[in-house]
N, C-alpha and C. Protein backbone atom coordinates (compact mmCIF):
# COMPACT_ATOMS: atom_id res chain seq x y z
N UNK A 1 -19.79 9.14 -13.20
CA UNK A 1 -19.18 7.90 -12.76
C UNK A 1 -19.61 7.18 -11.80
N UNK A 2 -20.13 6.11 -11.90
CA UNK A 2 -20.76 5.79 -10.78
C UNK A 2 -19.63 4.40 -9.83
N UNK A 3 -19.86 4.42 -8.95
CA UNK A 3 -18.81 4.34 -7.80
C UNK A 3 -19.21 3.37 -7.36
N UNK A 4 -20.09 3.40 -6.78
CA UNK A 4 -20.97 1.87 -6.70
C UNK A 4 -20.85 0.60 -7.53
N UNK A 5 -21.13 0.89 -9.08
CA UNK A 5 -21.22 -0.02 -10.18
C UNK A 5 -19.76 -0.33 -10.85
N UNK A 6 -18.84 0.26 -10.19
CA UNK A 6 -17.07 1.14 -10.52
C UNK A 6 -16.92 -0.81 -9.53
N UNK A 7 -16.85 -0.50 -8.52
CA UNK A 7 -17.04 -1.16 -7.19
C UNK A 7 -17.57 -2.75 -7.52
N UNK A 8 -18.89 -2.24 -7.87
CA UNK A 8 -18.60 -3.65 -7.97
C UNK A 8 -18.20 -5.01 -9.09
N UNK A 9 -18.44 -4.16 -10.04
CA UNK A 9 -17.82 -4.46 -11.20
C UNK A 9 -16.26 -5.03 -11.03
N UNK A 10 -15.03 -4.23 -9.45
CA UNK A 10 -14.26 -4.91 -9.80
C UNK A 10 -14.58 -6.05 -8.95
N UNK A 11 -15.12 -6.09 -8.25
CA UNK A 11 -15.27 -7.37 -7.25
C UNK A 11 -15.91 -8.42 -7.59
N UNK A 12 -15.88 -8.26 -8.21
CA UNK A 12 -16.92 -9.99 -9.56
C UNK A 12 -15.81 -10.13 -10.27
N UNK A 13 -14.58 -8.77 -10.77
CA UNK A 13 -13.61 -9.37 -11.60
C UNK A 13 -11.99 -9.89 -10.42
N UNK A 14 -12.00 -9.44 -9.60
CA UNK A 14 -11.14 -9.71 -8.76
C UNK A 14 -11.16 -11.41 -7.96
N UNK A 15 -10.32 -11.88 -8.81
CA UNK A 15 -10.69 -13.08 -7.32
C UNK A 15 -10.24 -12.82 -5.72
N UNK A 16 -11.08 -14.24 -5.47
CA UNK A 16 -11.13 -13.60 -4.06
C UNK A 16 -10.03 -13.35 -2.59
N UNK A 17 -9.09 -14.04 -3.49
CA UNK A 17 -8.06 -14.48 -2.61
C UNK A 17 -7.13 -12.57 -2.47
N UNK A 18 -7.80 -11.80 -3.42
CA UNK A 18 -6.85 -10.21 -4.31
C UNK A 18 -7.86 -9.75 -2.62
N UNK A 19 -6.69 -8.06 -1.69
CA UNK A 19 -7.53 -7.54 -1.97
C UNK A 19 -7.02 -6.35 -2.17
N UNK A 20 -8.56 -5.81 -2.70
CA UNK A 20 -8.77 -4.13 -3.68
C UNK A 20 -8.24 -2.84 -2.01
N UNK A 21 -7.73 -1.93 -2.66
CA UNK A 21 -7.35 -1.50 -2.15
C UNK A 21 -7.72 0.09 -3.05
N UNK A 22 -8.64 0.82 -2.74
CA UNK A 22 -9.68 1.61 -3.54
C UNK A 22 -8.90 2.47 -2.88
N UNK A 23 -8.23 3.56 -4.28
CA UNK A 23 -7.50 4.91 -3.68
C UNK A 23 -8.09 5.73 -3.88
N UNK A 24 -8.51 6.67 -2.31
CA UNK A 24 -9.65 7.40 -2.57
C UNK A 24 -8.75 9.17 -2.05
N UNK A 25 -7.32 8.74 -2.49
CA UNK A 25 -6.84 10.37 -2.18
C UNK A 25 -7.30 11.42 -2.75
N UNK A 26 -7.60 12.27 -2.30
CA UNK A 26 -8.07 13.77 -3.36
C UNK A 26 -9.47 13.77 -3.07
N UNK A 27 -10.14 12.38 -2.75
CA UNK A 27 -11.87 11.61 -3.54
C UNK A 27 -12.69 12.54 -1.39
N UNK A 28 -13.40 13.30 -1.97
CA UNK A 28 -14.55 13.34 -0.92
C UNK A 28 -15.06 12.49 -0.36
N UNK A 29 -15.48 12.38 1.16
CA UNK A 29 -15.95 11.39 2.18
C UNK A 29 -17.25 11.66 1.82
N UNK A 30 -17.71 12.10 0.70
CA UNK A 30 -18.93 11.67 0.39
C UNK A 30 -18.88 10.39 -0.97
N UNK A 31 -17.80 10.72 -2.10
CA UNK A 31 -17.47 9.43 -2.90
C UNK A 31 -16.81 8.40 -1.71
N UNK A 32 -16.27 8.87 -1.05
CA UNK A 32 -15.59 6.81 -0.31
C UNK A 32 -17.10 6.78 -0.22
N UNK A 33 -17.73 7.34 0.74
CA UNK A 33 -19.05 6.75 1.36
C UNK A 33 -19.79 5.80 0.07
N UNK A 34 -19.47 5.74 -1.04
CA UNK A 34 -20.84 5.11 -2.21
C UNK A 34 -20.14 3.76 -1.86
N UNK A 35 -18.70 3.98 -1.87
CA UNK A 35 -17.66 2.72 -2.22
C UNK A 35 -18.42 1.84 -0.61
N UNK A 36 -18.31 2.37 0.44
CA UNK A 36 -18.51 2.09 1.67
C UNK A 36 -19.81 1.21 1.52
N UNK A 37 -21.17 1.58 1.35
CA UNK A 37 -22.41 1.55 0.68
C UNK A 37 -22.49 0.58 0.22
N UNK A 38 -21.33 -0.03 -0.62
CA UNK A 38 -20.82 -0.80 -1.31
C UNK A 38 -20.42 -2.51 -1.20
N UNK A 39 -20.31 -1.71 -0.07
CA UNK A 39 -19.85 -3.23 1.07
C UNK A 39 -18.21 -3.21 1.36
N UNK A 40 -17.51 -2.32 0.36
CA UNK A 40 -15.88 -1.78 0.48
C UNK A 40 -15.53 -0.88 1.99
N UNK A 41 -14.56 -1.55 2.07
CA UNK A 41 -13.99 -1.00 3.53
C UNK A 41 -12.78 -1.12 3.26
N UNK A 42 -11.67 -1.05 2.79
CA UNK A 42 -10.35 -0.76 2.74
C UNK A 42 -9.68 0.27 1.32
N UNK A 43 -9.50 0.99 2.22
CA UNK A 43 -8.99 2.91 1.30
C UNK A 43 -7.69 2.96 1.30
N UNK A 44 -6.99 3.62 -0.12
CA UNK A 44 -5.81 3.77 0.11
C UNK A 44 -5.65 5.81 0.31
N UNK A 45 -4.65 6.42 1.07
CA UNK A 45 -4.60 7.28 0.62
C UNK A 45 -3.05 7.72 0.63
N UNK A 46 -2.69 9.32 0.19
CA UNK A 46 -1.55 8.84 0.03
C UNK A 46 -0.75 10.55 0.67
N UNK A 47 -1.48 11.06 1.74
CA UNK A 47 -0.93 12.69 2.41
C UNK A 47 -2.30 11.84 4.17
N UNK A 48 -1.24 12.12 4.78
CA UNK A 48 -1.50 11.15 6.12
C UNK A 48 -2.32 12.76 6.63
N UNK A 49 -2.38 13.75 6.77
CA UNK A 49 -3.01 14.63 7.12
C UNK A 49 -4.42 14.41 6.35
N UNK A 50 -4.08 14.01 5.38
CA UNK A 50 -5.95 14.04 4.82
C UNK A 50 -6.69 13.15 5.25
N UNK A 51 -6.05 11.61 5.29
CA UNK A 51 -6.22 10.60 5.64
C UNK A 51 -7.20 11.28 7.14
N UNK A 52 -5.97 11.03 8.51
CA UNK A 52 -6.12 11.60 9.24
C UNK A 52 -7.71 12.68 9.53
N UNK A 53 -8.20 13.18 8.65
CA UNK A 53 -9.02 14.19 8.42
C UNK A 53 -10.66 13.06 8.23
N UNK A 54 -10.49 12.04 6.98
CA UNK A 54 -11.70 11.16 7.10
C UNK A 54 -11.74 9.81 8.20
N UNK A 55 -10.71 9.84 7.79
CA UNK A 55 -10.76 8.41 9.68
C UNK A 55 -12.17 9.14 10.10
N UNK A 56 -11.62 10.21 10.39
CA UNK A 56 -12.54 10.98 12.04
C UNK A 56 -13.86 11.07 12.09
N UNK A 57 -13.95 11.52 10.33
CA UNK A 57 -15.27 11.03 9.74
C UNK A 57 -16.17 10.03 9.66
N UNK A 58 -15.38 8.51 8.99
CA UNK A 58 -16.04 7.92 8.33
C UNK A 58 -16.34 6.48 9.74
N UNK A 59 -17.01 5.51 8.79
CA UNK A 59 -17.13 5.06 10.08
C UNK A 59 -15.84 4.25 10.78
N UNK A 60 -16.63 3.30 11.62
CA UNK A 60 -14.56 2.77 12.53
C UNK A 60 -14.24 1.63 11.63
N UNK A 61 -15.28 0.72 11.22
CA UNK A 61 -14.28 -0.72 10.42
C UNK A 61 -13.87 -0.42 9.07
N UNK A 62 -13.22 1.35 9.26
CA UNK A 62 -13.14 1.37 8.12
C UNK A 62 -11.07 0.69 8.04
N UNK A 63 -10.82 0.33 6.59
CA UNK A 63 -9.20 -0.05 7.02
C UNK A 63 -8.63 1.33 5.98
N UNK A 64 -7.60 1.81 7.26
CA UNK A 64 -6.94 2.52 6.37
C UNK A 64 -5.61 2.25 5.52
N UNK A 65 -4.80 2.99 4.22
CA UNK A 65 -4.20 2.61 3.72
C UNK A 65 -2.85 3.02 3.70
N UNK A 66 -1.98 4.03 4.03
CA UNK A 66 -1.36 4.44 4.20
C UNK A 66 -0.15 4.21 2.85
N UNK A 67 -0.57 4.92 1.36
CA UNK A 67 0.30 3.74 0.27
C UNK A 67 1.50 5.17 -0.22
N UNK A 68 1.33 6.38 0.28
CA UNK A 68 2.91 6.88 -0.43
C UNK A 68 3.53 7.75 0.48
N UNK A 69 4.36 8.36 0.30
CA UNK A 69 5.64 8.49 0.62
C UNK A 69 5.39 9.03 1.91
N UNK A 70 6.10 8.29 2.78
CA UNK A 70 5.81 8.48 3.85
C UNK A 70 7.10 9.46 4.73
N UNK A 71 6.67 10.74 5.34
CA UNK A 71 7.21 11.55 6.05
C UNK A 71 7.90 11.26 7.70
N UNK A 72 8.82 11.50 8.19
CA UNK A 72 8.50 10.77 9.46
C UNK A 72 8.09 11.45 10.68
N UNK A 73 8.16 12.46 10.31
CA UNK A 73 7.30 14.04 10.96
C UNK A 73 5.87 13.59 10.86
N UNK A 74 5.62 12.81 10.58
CA UNK A 74 4.05 12.99 10.70
C UNK A 74 3.29 11.32 10.81
N UNK A 75 4.03 10.42 11.28
CA UNK A 75 4.07 9.36 11.91
C UNK A 75 2.84 9.05 12.62
N UNK A 76 2.69 10.13 13.50
CA UNK A 76 2.42 10.21 14.79
C UNK A 76 0.76 10.37 14.47
N UNK A 77 0.76 11.21 13.21
CA UNK A 77 -0.90 11.46 12.82
C UNK A 77 -1.64 10.33 12.66
N UNK A 78 -0.80 9.69 11.86
CA UNK A 78 -1.84 8.07 11.91
C UNK A 78 -1.81 7.28 12.35
N UNK A 79 -0.61 6.91 13.65
CA UNK A 79 -0.36 5.74 14.49
C UNK A 79 -0.97 5.09 15.21
N UNK A 80 -2.61 5.92 15.39
CA UNK A 80 -3.23 5.48 16.13
C UNK A 80 -4.62 4.18 15.90
N UNK A 81 -4.59 4.39 13.94
CA UNK A 81 -5.36 3.90 13.79
C UNK A 81 -5.27 3.68 12.00
N UNK A 82 -4.08 4.16 11.51
CA UNK A 82 -3.54 3.02 10.23
C UNK A 82 -3.57 1.26 10.12
N UNK A 83 -4.15 0.76 8.74
CA UNK A 83 -3.46 -0.13 9.04
C UNK A 83 -2.74 -1.17 8.48
N UNK A 84 -2.21 -0.62 7.33
CA UNK A 84 -1.33 -1.05 6.72
C UNK A 84 -0.48 0.12 6.40
N UNK A 85 0.78 0.34 6.13
CA UNK A 85 1.56 1.37 5.11
C UNK A 85 3.01 0.92 4.56
N UNK A 86 2.47 0.96 3.44
CA UNK A 86 2.40 0.57 2.30
C UNK A 86 4.31 0.46 1.71
N UNK A 87 4.68 2.26 2.15
CA UNK A 87 5.48 3.21 1.57
C UNK A 87 6.39 3.02 2.15
N UNK A 88 7.09 1.42 3.10
CA UNK A 88 8.81 1.78 4.65
C UNK A 88 9.51 1.84 3.59
N UNK A 89 10.33 2.92 3.21
CA UNK A 89 11.51 2.82 2.50
C UNK A 89 13.00 3.20 2.76
N UNK A 90 12.42 3.20 4.14
CA UNK A 90 13.79 3.06 5.38
C UNK A 90 13.61 2.42 6.42
N UNK A 91 14.78 1.98 7.20
CA UNK A 91 15.05 1.55 9.28
C UNK A 91 14.67 2.51 9.81
N UNK A 92 15.23 3.87 9.65
CA UNK A 92 14.43 4.96 9.81
C UNK A 92 13.10 4.98 10.22
N UNK A 93 12.53 4.95 9.39
CA UNK A 93 10.86 5.42 9.47
C UNK A 93 10.15 4.09 9.90
N UNK A 94 10.67 3.14 9.71
CA UNK A 94 10.06 1.74 10.34
C UNK A 94 10.12 2.02 12.00
N UNK A 95 11.97 2.71 12.47
CA UNK A 95 11.36 2.64 13.60
C UNK A 95 10.47 3.96 14.22
N UNK A 96 10.34 4.48 13.54
CA UNK A 96 9.30 5.93 13.97
C UNK A 96 7.85 5.03 13.92
N UNK A 97 7.21 4.75 12.95
CA UNK A 97 6.55 3.98 12.71
C UNK A 97 6.38 3.13 14.47
N UNK A 98 7.59 1.98 14.57
CA UNK A 98 7.34 1.31 15.70
C UNK A 98 7.41 2.24 17.40
N UNK A 99 8.07 3.66 17.15
CA UNK A 99 8.17 4.37 17.98
C UNK A 99 6.52 5.10 18.36
N UNK A 100 5.72 5.13 17.88
CA UNK A 100 4.99 6.07 17.28
C UNK A 100 3.56 5.07 18.00
N UNK A 101 3.58 3.92 17.05
CA UNK A 101 2.62 2.71 17.64
C UNK A 101 2.72 2.07 18.74
N UNK A 102 4.13 2.06 19.29
CA UNK A 102 4.10 1.57 20.44
C UNK A 102 3.63 2.46 21.78
N UNK A 103 2.94 4.18 21.47
CA UNK A 103 2.11 4.85 22.45
C UNK A 103 1.04 4.18 22.77
N UNK A 104 0.14 3.89 21.34
CA UNK A 104 -0.94 3.62 21.36
C UNK A 104 -1.53 1.83 21.77
N UNK A 105 0.22 1.22 21.90
CA UNK A 105 -0.25 -0.37 22.46
C UNK A 105 -0.50 -0.37 21.59
N UNK A 106 -0.43 -0.50 20.00
CA UNK A 106 -0.28 -1.86 18.60
C UNK A 106 0.61 -1.86 18.24
N UNK A 107 0.34 -2.64 16.63
CA UNK A 107 1.04 -3.49 16.23
C UNK A 107 0.84 -2.41 15.25
N UNK A 108 1.29 -2.15 14.14
CA UNK A 108 0.71 -1.71 12.72
C UNK A 108 2.15 -2.54 11.56
N UNK A 109 0.68 -3.49 10.83
CA UNK A 109 1.41 -3.57 9.54
C UNK A 109 1.89 -2.42 8.52
N UNK A 110 3.75 -3.68 7.59
CA UNK A 110 3.77 -2.16 7.51
C UNK A 110 4.48 -3.29 5.81
N UNK A 111 4.18 -2.37 5.39
CA UNK A 111 5.56 -2.85 3.75
C UNK A 111 6.34 -2.65 3.64
N UNK A 112 7.33 -3.26 2.98
CA UNK A 112 8.52 -2.20 2.53
C UNK A 112 8.90 -2.36 0.71
N UNK A 113 9.37 -0.61 0.83
CA UNK A 113 9.05 -0.90 -0.74
C UNK A 113 10.37 -0.95 -1.46
N UNK A 114 9.83 -1.02 -2.21
CA UNK A 114 11.18 -1.98 -3.64
C UNK A 114 11.49 -0.88 -4.52
N UNK A 115 12.42 -0.27 -4.78
CA UNK A 115 12.88 0.57 -5.77
C UNK A 115 12.93 -0.37 -7.13
N UNK A 116 11.34 -0.71 -7.79
CA UNK A 116 11.74 -1.34 -9.49
C UNK A 116 11.62 -0.40 -10.73
N UNK A 117 10.56 0.51 -11.11
CA UNK A 117 10.88 1.26 -12.13
C UNK A 117 12.27 2.21 -11.98
N UNK A 118 12.89 2.52 -13.29
CA UNK A 118 13.98 3.21 -13.60
C UNK A 118 13.56 4.97 -13.33
N UNK A 119 12.34 5.26 -13.05
CA UNK A 119 12.02 6.63 -13.25
C UNK A 119 13.16 7.19 -11.68
N UNK A 120 13.58 8.54 -11.76
CA UNK A 120 14.68 8.53 -10.91
C UNK A 120 13.23 8.97 -9.18
N UNK A 121 12.10 9.05 -9.95
CA UNK A 121 10.98 9.35 -8.91
C UNK A 121 10.62 9.11 -8.03
N UNK A 122 10.89 7.65 -8.57
CA UNK A 122 10.27 6.44 -7.34
C UNK A 122 10.89 6.61 -6.35
N UNK A 123 10.25 6.16 -5.34
CA UNK A 123 10.86 6.07 -3.78
C UNK A 123 11.38 4.67 -4.11
N UNK A 124 11.94 3.90 -3.17
CA UNK A 124 12.01 2.68 -2.86
C UNK A 124 13.52 2.09 -2.53
N UNK A 125 13.71 1.00 -1.86
CA UNK A 125 14.91 0.19 -1.06
C UNK A 125 15.26 -0.64 -2.23
N UNK A 126 16.15 -0.64 -2.14
CA UNK A 126 16.63 -1.90 -2.82
C UNK A 126 16.88 -3.29 -2.97
N UNK A 127 16.90 -4.31 -3.38
CA UNK A 127 16.64 -5.52 -2.83
C UNK A 127 17.96 -5.96 -1.23
N UNK A 128 18.83 -5.94 -1.75
CA UNK A 128 20.15 -5.97 -1.18
C UNK A 128 19.65 -4.86 0.17
N UNK A 129 19.10 -4.11 0.22
CA UNK A 129 19.35 -2.78 2.03
C UNK A 129 17.96 -3.86 2.54
N UNK A 130 16.92 -3.98 1.77
CA UNK A 130 15.80 -4.93 2.35
C UNK A 130 16.34 -6.59 2.50
N UNK A 131 16.89 -6.79 2.11
CA UNK A 131 17.76 -8.17 3.10
C UNK A 131 18.04 -7.91 4.05
N UNK A 132 19.11 -6.22 4.12
CA UNK A 132 20.24 -6.35 4.97
C UNK A 132 18.54 -6.10 6.50
N UNK A 133 18.11 -5.26 6.16
CA UNK A 133 17.54 -4.70 7.06
C UNK A 133 16.59 -5.87 7.93
N UNK A 134 16.17 -6.45 7.40
CA UNK A 134 15.26 -7.60 7.66
C UNK A 134 15.99 -9.21 8.70
N UNK A 135 17.48 -9.05 8.42
CA UNK A 135 18.38 -10.57 9.25
C UNK A 135 18.77 -8.90 10.27
N UNK A 136 18.99 -7.50 10.32
CA UNK A 136 19.38 -6.97 11.40
C UNK A 136 19.55 -7.46 12.23
N UNK A 137 20.20 -7.08 13.62
CA UNK A 137 19.55 -7.80 15.38
C UNK A 137 18.24 -6.41 15.03
N UNK A 138 18.88 -5.05 14.72
CA UNK A 138 17.98 -3.77 15.19
C UNK A 138 16.68 -3.93 14.90
N UNK A 139 16.64 -4.65 13.40
CA UNK A 139 15.02 -4.95 13.01
C UNK A 139 14.20 -6.05 14.29
N UNK A 140 15.03 -6.68 15.20
CA UNK A 140 15.00 -8.12 15.54
C UNK A 140 13.94 -7.33 16.55
N UNK A 141 14.26 -6.30 16.95
CA UNK A 141 14.12 -5.10 18.63
C UNK A 141 12.46 -4.56 18.16
N UNK A 142 12.19 -4.79 17.38
CA UNK A 142 11.14 -3.68 17.02
C UNK A 142 10.02 -4.20 17.35
N UNK A 143 9.31 -4.41 18.30
CA UNK A 143 7.97 -4.99 18.81
C UNK A 143 6.30 -4.55 18.44
N UNK A 144 6.64 -3.21 17.92
CA UNK A 144 5.13 -2.40 17.19
C UNK A 144 4.92 -2.39 16.24
N UNK A 145 6.26 -3.50 15.20
CA UNK A 145 5.00 -3.36 13.77
C UNK A 145 5.95 -4.68 13.04
N UNK A 146 5.17 -5.16 12.60
CA UNK A 146 5.38 -6.46 11.47
C UNK A 146 5.33 -6.22 9.83
N UNK A 147 6.78 -5.99 9.33
CA UNK A 147 6.64 -6.29 8.26
C UNK A 147 5.69 -7.84 7.53
N UNK A 148 4.83 -7.95 6.48
CA UNK A 148 4.37 -8.83 6.52
C UNK A 148 3.98 -8.91 4.76
N UNK A 149 5.35 -7.84 3.75
CA UNK A 149 5.60 -8.22 3.12
C UNK A 149 6.16 -7.05 2.06
N UNK A 150 6.02 -6.93 0.62
CA UNK A 150 7.04 -6.26 0.09
C UNK A 150 6.20 -4.78 -0.65
N UNK A 151 6.27 -3.78 -1.85
CA UNK A 151 4.84 -2.54 -2.40
C UNK A 151 6.25 -2.27 -3.14
N UNK A 152 5.98 -2.45 -4.83
CA UNK A 152 6.74 -1.90 -6.21
C UNK A 152 6.16 -1.25 -6.57
N UNK A 153 6.23 -0.12 -6.97
CA UNK A 153 5.68 0.58 -8.48
C UNK A 153 6.72 0.12 -9.39
N UNK A 154 5.47 0.47 -10.34
CA UNK A 154 5.66 0.05 -11.95
C UNK A 154 6.25 0.53 -12.56
N UNK A 155 7.64 1.43 -13.86
CA UNK A 155 7.31 2.54 -14.20
C UNK A 155 6.53 3.02 -15.22
N UNK A 156 6.18 4.15 -14.76
CA UNK A 156 5.41 4.74 -16.20
C UNK A 156 5.38 4.70 -17.59
N UNK A 157 5.31 3.36 -17.76
CA UNK A 157 5.61 3.46 -19.48
C UNK A 157 4.55 3.20 -19.68
N UNK A 158 4.32 3.15 -21.36
CA UNK A 158 3.55 2.19 -22.42
C UNK A 158 3.80 0.43 -22.80
N UNK A 159 5.08 0.30 -22.48
CA UNK A 159 5.99 -0.59 -22.83
C UNK A 159 5.56 -1.39 -21.55
N UNK A 160 4.63 -2.48 -21.88
CA UNK A 160 4.32 -3.76 -20.72
C UNK A 160 5.33 -4.92 -20.37
N UNK A 161 5.68 -4.60 -21.47
CA UNK A 161 6.68 -6.20 -20.99
C UNK A 161 7.61 -5.07 -20.19
N UNK A 162 8.04 -4.26 -20.19
CA UNK A 162 8.81 -3.34 -19.19
C UNK A 162 8.44 -3.77 -17.21
N UNK A 163 7.34 -3.26 -17.56
CA UNK A 163 6.37 -3.25 -16.57
C UNK A 163 6.12 -4.74 -16.16
N UNK A 164 6.37 -5.88 -16.49
CA UNK A 164 6.22 -6.87 -17.17
C UNK A 164 7.05 -7.67 -15.33
N UNK A 165 7.99 -7.53 -16.32
CA UNK A 165 9.86 -7.59 -16.02
C UNK A 165 9.80 -7.15 -14.73
N UNK A 166 8.96 -5.86 -14.22
CA UNK A 166 9.44 -4.98 -12.58
C UNK A 166 8.87 -5.83 -12.37
N UNK A 167 6.94 -5.95 -12.22
CA UNK A 167 6.92 -6.81 -11.08
C UNK A 167 7.90 -8.52 -11.11
N UNK A 168 8.34 -8.61 -12.38
CA UNK A 168 8.17 -10.15 -12.12
C UNK A 168 9.60 -10.27 -10.90
N UNK A 169 10.71 -8.70 -10.98
CA UNK A 169 11.43 -9.06 -10.83
C UNK A 169 11.21 -8.71 -8.60
N UNK A 170 9.73 -7.96 -8.59
CA UNK A 170 9.60 -7.74 -7.25
C UNK A 170 8.75 -9.60 -7.19
N UNK A 171 8.35 -9.80 -7.44
CA UNK A 171 7.63 -11.50 -6.97
C UNK A 171 8.74 -11.93 -6.77
N UNK A 172 9.94 -12.74 -7.70
CA UNK A 172 11.23 -13.16 -7.15
C UNK A 172 11.26 -13.02 -6.08
N UNK A 173 11.38 -11.63 -5.73
CA UNK A 173 12.57 -10.99 -4.39
C UNK A 173 11.77 -11.27 -3.18
N UNK A 174 9.85 -11.19 -3.28
CA UNK A 174 8.44 -11.67 -2.58
C UNK A 174 8.91 -12.81 -2.26
N UNK A 175 9.20 -14.12 -2.94
CA UNK A 175 9.78 -15.81 -2.98
C UNK A 175 10.96 -15.81 -2.05
N UNK A 176 12.14 -14.89 -2.03
CA UNK A 176 13.47 -14.75 -1.81
C UNK A 176 12.97 -14.93 -0.17
N UNK A 177 12.17 -13.65 -0.01
CA UNK A 177 12.00 -12.82 1.39
C UNK A 177 11.07 -13.62 2.59
N UNK A 178 10.05 -14.64 1.10
CA UNK A 178 8.92 -15.17 1.87
C UNK A 178 9.51 -15.61 3.39
N UNK A 179 10.60 -17.00 3.05
CA UNK A 179 10.24 -18.34 3.43
C UNK A 179 10.28 -17.67 5.03
N UNK A 180 11.42 -17.37 5.20
CA UNK A 180 12.20 -16.52 6.60
C UNK A 180 11.24 -15.91 7.92
N UNK A 181 10.18 -15.10 6.05
CA UNK A 181 9.55 -14.18 7.44
C UNK A 181 8.32 -13.25 6.60
N UNK A 182 7.68 -15.04 6.48
CA UNK A 182 6.21 -14.93 6.82
C UNK A 182 5.25 -13.91 6.20
N UNK A 183 6.18 -13.52 5.18
CA UNK A 183 4.81 -12.88 4.25
C UNK A 183 4.05 -13.09 3.69
N UNK A 184 3.05 -12.18 3.81
CA UNK A 184 1.54 -12.61 3.09
C UNK A 184 1.14 -11.63 2.04
N UNK A 185 2.04 -10.65 2.15
CA UNK A 185 1.39 -9.00 1.25
C UNK A 185 2.56 -8.60 -0.21
N UNK A 186 2.03 -8.71 -1.05
CA UNK A 186 2.56 -8.08 -2.45
C UNK A 186 1.83 -7.24 -2.48
N UNK A 187 1.81 -5.69 -2.75
CA UNK A 187 1.28 -4.82 -3.24
C UNK A 187 1.91 -4.97 -4.58
N UNK A 188 1.67 -4.43 -5.84
CA UNK A 188 1.72 -4.40 -6.85
C UNK A 188 0.60 -4.12 -7.76
N UNK A 189 0.59 -2.87 -8.63
CA UNK A 189 -0.49 -3.24 -9.75
C UNK A 189 -1.08 -1.90 -9.01
N UNK A 190 -1.22 -1.13 -10.59
CA UNK A 190 -2.71 0.69 -9.57
C UNK A 190 -3.61 0.23 -11.21
N UNK A 191 -4.29 1.52 -11.08
CA UNK A 191 -5.11 0.87 -11.94
C UNK A 191 -4.50 0.62 -13.95
N UNK A 192 -3.72 1.84 -14.25
CA UNK A 192 -3.33 0.51 -15.48
C UNK A 192 -2.55 -0.09 -15.13
N UNK A 193 -2.09 -1.28 -14.61
CA UNK A 193 -0.88 -1.78 -14.72
C UNK A 193 -1.57 -3.36 -13.92
N UNK A 194 -2.82 -3.19 -13.00
CA UNK A 194 -3.49 -4.36 -12.05
C UNK A 194 -3.48 -5.54 -12.87
N UNK A 195 -3.93 -5.25 -13.88
CA UNK A 195 -3.68 -6.90 -14.68
C UNK A 195 -3.01 -7.73 -14.89
N UNK A 196 -0.98 -7.18 -15.65
CA UNK A 196 -0.15 -7.53 -15.33
C UNK A 196 0.11 -7.91 -13.99
N UNK A 197 0.16 -7.13 -12.95
CA UNK A 197 0.34 -7.85 -11.71
C UNK A 197 -0.43 -8.34 -11.25
N UNK A 198 -1.74 -9.01 -11.12
CA UNK A 198 -2.09 -10.25 -11.02
C UNK A 198 -1.19 -11.21 -11.81
N UNK A 199 -1.13 -11.15 -12.90
CA UNK A 199 0.02 -12.48 -13.99
C UNK A 199 0.81 -12.45 -12.94
N UNK A 200 1.62 -11.86 -12.20
CA UNK A 200 2.96 -11.89 -11.81
C UNK A 200 2.85 -11.99 -10.08
N UNK A 201 2.01 -12.19 -10.16
CA UNK A 201 1.79 -12.55 -8.17
C UNK A 201 1.36 -11.94 -7.21
N UNK A 202 0.61 -10.90 -7.72
CA UNK A 202 0.52 -9.26 -6.63
C UNK A 202 -0.68 -10.11 -5.34
N UNK A 203 -0.75 -9.30 -4.76
CA UNK A 203 -1.68 -10.08 -3.63
C UNK A 203 -2.94 -9.33 -2.78
N UNK A 204 -1.94 -8.12 -3.44
CA UNK A 204 -3.52 -7.00 -3.57
C UNK A 204 -2.91 -5.70 -4.57
N UNK A 205 -4.34 -5.11 -5.18
CA UNK A 205 -4.01 -3.99 -5.75
C UNK A 205 -4.96 -2.81 -5.76
N UNK A 206 -4.48 -1.44 -6.05
CA UNK A 206 -3.91 0.06 -5.73
C UNK A 206 -4.83 0.59 -7.05
N UNK A 207 -6.32 0.70 -6.39
CA UNK A 207 -7.15 1.07 -7.73
C UNK A 207 -7.61 2.09 -7.23
N UNK A 208 -7.54 3.64 -8.13
CA UNK A 208 -8.36 5.44 -7.93
C UNK A 208 -9.32 5.29 -8.44
N UNK A 209 -8.08 6.19 -9.84
CA UNK A 209 -9.11 6.81 -11.23
C UNK A 209 -9.96 5.61 -11.57
N UNK A 210 -10.10 4.34 -11.69
CA UNK A 210 -11.02 2.98 -12.55
C UNK A 210 -11.94 3.14 -11.64
N UNK A 211 -12.19 3.79 -10.36
CA UNK A 211 -13.13 3.75 -9.40
C UNK A 211 -13.93 4.41 -8.69
N UNK A 212 -12.81 5.43 -8.84
CA UNK A 212 -13.86 7.10 -8.04
C UNK A 212 -13.72 8.01 -9.80
N UNK A 213 -13.24 8.12 -10.71
CA UNK A 213 -12.61 9.05 -11.46
C UNK A 213 -11.67 9.67 -11.10
N UNK A 214 -10.74 10.63 -12.48
CA UNK A 214 -10.14 11.28 -13.30
C UNK A 214 -9.68 11.91 -11.57
N UNK A 215 -8.99 12.32 -10.98
CA UNK A 215 -8.42 13.45 -9.43
C UNK A 215 -8.56 14.87 -10.38
N UNK A 216 -9.07 15.14 -9.88
CA UNK A 216 -9.24 17.08 -9.89
C UNK A 216 -7.66 17.73 -8.61
N UNK A 217 -6.95 18.03 -8.50
CA UNK A 217 -5.82 18.60 -8.09
C UNK A 217 -6.03 19.50 -7.46
N UNK A 218 -6.87 20.53 -8.59
CA UNK A 218 -7.22 21.91 -8.48
C UNK A 218 -5.36 22.76 -9.34
């Protein structure tokens, strides 16, 4: 698996307007440095403590994206450095990120995770809950976070029409919420479905195995 070649291939294939998040979860720093040395700077992790350990070892100009489900009691471990939190699925979590960001005099960018998949295992809030949150006065009072868009994970299925429908639903919601809230990011699409996500309006894709190879969970 040639990581630098894979990064190069993705960079040439993706439009410049699309942000590539190289999903480096479970991968060693040596692998991530291969992508880094190819000029890539944006990496996604799904465990906060693993991400924090890598942050300490990696160069300071890396942008770390937290793409996994976030436990509120772990937010403090990433508040000093995280660039974007993809999977904010409750107002309580947003409040905690705001509180921890304030300790470092930072504003942390966040995406609201919308549940678009049919599987029960996927996290996320409903469209109505997201609208309610963004319109609430409590949200307006959070000064150390900035909600910059939405994130969603499609159903894990071979039915690509269903995947397309789910992405289209999320893009429509994004467009509906974007105008009053100055959104810039729509994070949808992973190694298996990013091409459909791009066709449906994604601005940010999260690609792991197609860059780093299959994960070994041991």
